[in-house]
Amino acid sequence: MAMDPKDIDALIVAAQGGDREAFAAVVVDLYPQLAGFLAFHAPTPELMDEVVQASFVTAFEKVSDYK
């Protein structure tokens, strides 16, 4: 079951403070939703994996911008 958006917000705030485990919890929670969505749009499973990975890397790099 997916986390409540308020829980995700709290984890992102913790990640902004340097808590990598909090960001990992967000990834674990959101991965199935993102991968499921992309499975219908990516031409191959390999490309889906690459896009999911790139998405989470970008989110991690930009976590300080989250409001």
N, C-alpha and C. Protein backbone atom coordinates (compact mmCIF):
# COMPACT_ATOMS: atom_id res chain seq x y z
N MET A 1 0.85 -1.19 0.00
CA MET A 1 0.00 0.00 0.00
C MET A 1 0.89 1.24 0.00
N ALA A 2 0.56 2.18 -0.84
CA ALA A 2 1.35 3.39 -0.98
C ALA A 2 1.21 4.28 0.26
N MET A 3 2.28 5.01 0.51
CA MET A 3 2.29 5.94 1.63
C MET A 3 1.36 7.12 1.35
N ASP A 4 0.91 7.72 2.40
CA ASP A 4 0.15 8.95 2.34
C ASP A 4 1.07 10.07 1.86
N PRO A 5 0.58 11.00 1.04
CA PRO A 5 1.44 12.10 0.58
C PRO A 5 2.11 12.88 1.71
N LYS A 6 1.44 13.01 2.84
CA LYS A 6 2.05 13.72 3.98
C LYS A 6 3.26 12.95 4.51
N ASP A 7 3.19 11.63 4.48
CA ASP A 7 4.33 10.82 4.91
C ASP A 7 5.50 10.98 3.94
N ILE A 8 5.18 11.02 2.65
CA ILE A 8 6.23 11.22 1.65
C ILE A 8 6.86 12.60 1.83
N ASP A 9 6.02 13.62 2.07
CA ASP A 9 6.56 14.96 2.31
C ASP A 9 7.52 14.97 3.49
N ALA A 10 7.14 14.30 4.56
CA ALA A 10 7.99 14.25 5.75
C ALA A 10 9.32 13.55 5.45
N LEU A 11 9.27 12.50 4.67
CA LEU A 11 10.50 11.80 4.29
C LEU A 11 11.38 12.67 3.40
N ILE A 12 10.77 13.43 2.51
CA ILE A 12 11.55 14.31 1.65
C ILE A 12 12.22 15.40 2.48
N VAL A 13 11.52 15.95 3.44
CA VAL A 13 12.12 16.95 4.33
C VAL A 13 13.31 16.33 5.07
N ALA A 14 13.16 15.11 5.53
CA ALA A 14 14.27 14.42 6.19
C ALA A 14 15.43 14.21 5.21
N ALA A 15 15.10 13.86 3.97
CA ALA A 15 16.15 13.67 2.95
C ALA A 15 16.87 14.98 2.67
N GLN A 16 16.13 16.08 2.69
CA GLN A 16 16.76 17.38 2.49
C GLN A 16 17.77 17.67 3.59
N GLY A 17 17.56 17.09 4.76
CA GLY A 17 18.49 17.24 5.88
C GLY A 17 19.62 16.23 5.85
N GLY A 18 19.68 15.41 4.79
CA GLY A 18 20.77 14.46 4.63
C GLY A 18 20.44 13.02 4.97
N ASP A 19 19.20 12.74 5.29
CA ASP A 19 18.80 11.37 5.65
C ASP A 19 18.58 10.54 4.38
N ARG A 20 19.59 9.80 4.00
CA ARG A 20 19.49 8.98 2.78
C ARG A 20 18.51 7.83 2.93
N GLU A 21 18.35 7.33 4.13
CA GLU A 21 17.39 6.25 4.35
C GLU A 21 15.96 6.74 4.11
N ALA A 22 15.71 8.00 4.42
CA ALA A 22 14.38 8.57 4.17
C ALA A 22 14.12 8.62 2.67
N PHE A 23 15.12 9.04 1.90
CA PHE A 23 14.94 9.08 0.45
C PHE A 23 14.77 7.66 -0.08
N ALA A 24 15.51 6.72 0.44
CA ALA A 24 15.38 5.32 0.01
C ALA A 24 13.96 4.81 0.27
N ALA A 25 13.36 5.22 1.38
CA ALA A 25 11.99 4.81 1.68
C ALA A 25 11.02 5.37 0.65
N VAL A 26 11.27 6.59 0.19
CA VAL A 26 10.43 7.19 -0.85
C VAL A 26 10.56 6.39 -2.14
N VAL A 27 11.80 6.04 -2.48
CA VAL A 27 12.03 5.25 -3.70
C VAL A 27 11.30 3.91 -3.62
N VAL A 28 11.43 3.24 -2.52
CA VAL A 28 10.78 1.93 -2.35
C VAL A 28 9.26 2.08 -2.49
N ASP A 29 8.72 3.16 -1.95
CA ASP A 29 7.28 3.35 -2.01
C ASP A 29 6.80 3.71 -3.42
N LEU A 30 7.54 4.58 -4.10
CA LEU A 30 7.08 5.09 -5.39
C LEU A 30 7.50 4.24 -6.58
N TYR A 31 8.50 3.39 -6.41
CA TYR A 31 9.00 2.59 -7.53
C TYR A 31 7.90 1.80 -8.24
N PRO A 32 7.05 1.06 -7.52
CA PRO A 32 6.04 0.27 -8.23
C PRO A 32 5.08 1.12 -9.08
N GLN A 33 4.72 2.29 -8.57
CA GLN A 33 3.81 3.16 -9.31
C GLN A 33 4.48 3.71 -10.57
N LEU A 34 5.70 4.19 -10.42
CA LEU A 34 6.41 4.75 -11.56
C LEU A 34 6.73 3.66 -12.59
N ALA A 35 7.23 2.53 -12.13
CA ALA A 35 7.55 1.44 -13.05
C ALA A 35 6.30 0.92 -13.75
N GLY A 36 5.21 0.83 -13.03
CA GLY A 36 3.95 0.38 -13.62
C GLY A 36 3.47 1.32 -14.70
N PHE A 37 3.56 2.62 -14.43
CA PHE A 37 3.17 3.60 -15.43
C PHE A 37 4.05 3.50 -16.66
N LEU A 38 5.36 3.45 -16.44
CA LEU A 38 6.30 3.43 -17.55
C LEU A 38 6.26 2.12 -18.34
N ALA A 39 5.83 1.04 -17.70
CA ALA A 39 5.75 -0.24 -18.40
C ALA A 39 4.80 -0.16 -19.59
N PHE A 40 3.81 0.72 -19.50
CA PHE A 40 2.86 0.89 -20.61
C PHE A 40 3.37 1.84 -21.68
N HIS A 41 4.40 2.61 -21.38
CA HIS A 41 4.85 3.65 -22.30
C HIS A 41 6.24 3.41 -22.87
N ALA A 42 7.06 2.66 -22.18
CA ALA A 42 8.42 2.39 -22.67
C ALA A 42 8.38 1.22 -23.66
N PRO A 43 9.15 1.32 -24.72
CA PRO A 43 9.11 0.24 -25.73
C PRO A 43 9.75 -1.06 -25.26
N THR A 44 10.65 -1.00 -24.26
CA THR A 44 11.29 -2.22 -23.76
C THR A 44 11.41 -2.15 -22.24
N PRO A 45 11.47 -3.29 -21.56
CA PRO A 45 11.68 -3.28 -20.11
C PRO A 45 13.01 -2.62 -19.72
N GLU A 46 14.02 -2.77 -20.57
CA GLU A 46 15.31 -2.18 -20.27
C GLU A 46 15.22 -0.65 -20.26
N LEU A 47 14.51 -0.10 -21.22
CA LEU A 47 14.33 1.35 -21.27
C LEU A 47 13.51 1.82 -20.07
N MET A 48 12.50 1.05 -19.71
CA MET A 48 11.70 1.39 -18.53
C MET A 48 12.60 1.48 -17.31
N ASP A 49 13.46 0.48 -17.11
CA ASP A 49 14.38 0.50 -15.97
C ASP A 49 15.30 1.72 -15.99
N GLU A 50 15.80 2.06 -17.19
CA GLU A 50 16.68 3.22 -17.31
C GLU A 50 15.96 4.51 -16.95
N VAL A 51 14.73 4.66 -17.40
CA VAL A 51 13.97 5.87 -17.12
C VAL A 51 13.63 5.96 -15.64
N VAL A 52 13.25 4.85 -15.03
CA VAL A 52 12.96 4.84 -13.59
C VAL A 52 14.23 5.25 -12.82
N GLN A 53 15.35 4.64 -13.15
CA GLN A 53 16.60 4.95 -12.47
C GLN A 53 16.96 6.42 -12.64
N ALA A 54 16.89 6.91 -13.86
CA ALA A 54 17.22 8.32 -14.13
C ALA A 54 16.28 9.26 -13.38
N SER A 55 15.03 8.88 -13.26
CA SER A 55 14.06 9.71 -12.54
C SER A 55 14.42 9.84 -11.07
N PHE A 56 14.76 8.72 -10.46
CA PHE A 56 15.11 8.77 -9.04
C PHE A 56 16.46 9.44 -8.80
N VAL A 57 17.39 9.28 -9.71
CA VAL A 57 18.68 9.98 -9.59
C VAL A 57 18.44 11.49 -9.66
N THR A 58 17.64 11.92 -10.61
CA THR A 58 17.34 13.34 -10.75
C THR A 58 16.60 13.85 -9.52
N ALA A 59 15.66 13.09 -9.02
CA ALA A 59 14.94 13.50 -7.81
C ALA A 59 15.90 13.65 -6.64
N PHE A 60 16.85 12.74 -6.51
CA PHE A 60 17.83 12.82 -5.43
C PHE A 60 18.70 14.07 -5.59
N GLU A 61 19.14 14.32 -6.81
CA GLU A 61 19.98 15.48 -7.07
C GLU A 61 19.24 16.80 -6.82
N LYS A 62 17.95 16.80 -7.02
CA LYS A 62 17.14 18.02 -6.89
C LYS A 62 16.32 18.06 -5.60
N VAL A 63 16.59 17.15 -4.68
CA VAL A 63 15.76 17.06 -3.48
C VAL A 63 15.73 18.37 -2.70
N SER A 64 16.78 19.15 -2.77
CA SER A 64 16.81 20.41 -2.04
C SER A 64 15.82 21.43 -2.62
N ASP A 65 15.39 21.23 -3.86
CA ASP A 65 14.43 22.14 -4.50
C ASP A 65 12.98 21.83 -4.14
N TYR A 66 12.73 20.70 -3.51
CA TYR A 66 11.36 20.27 -3.20
C TYR A 66 10.75 21.20 -2.15
N LYS A 67 9.53 21.63 -2.42
CA LYS A 67 8.82 22.51 -1.45
C LYS A 67 7.48 21.94 -1.11
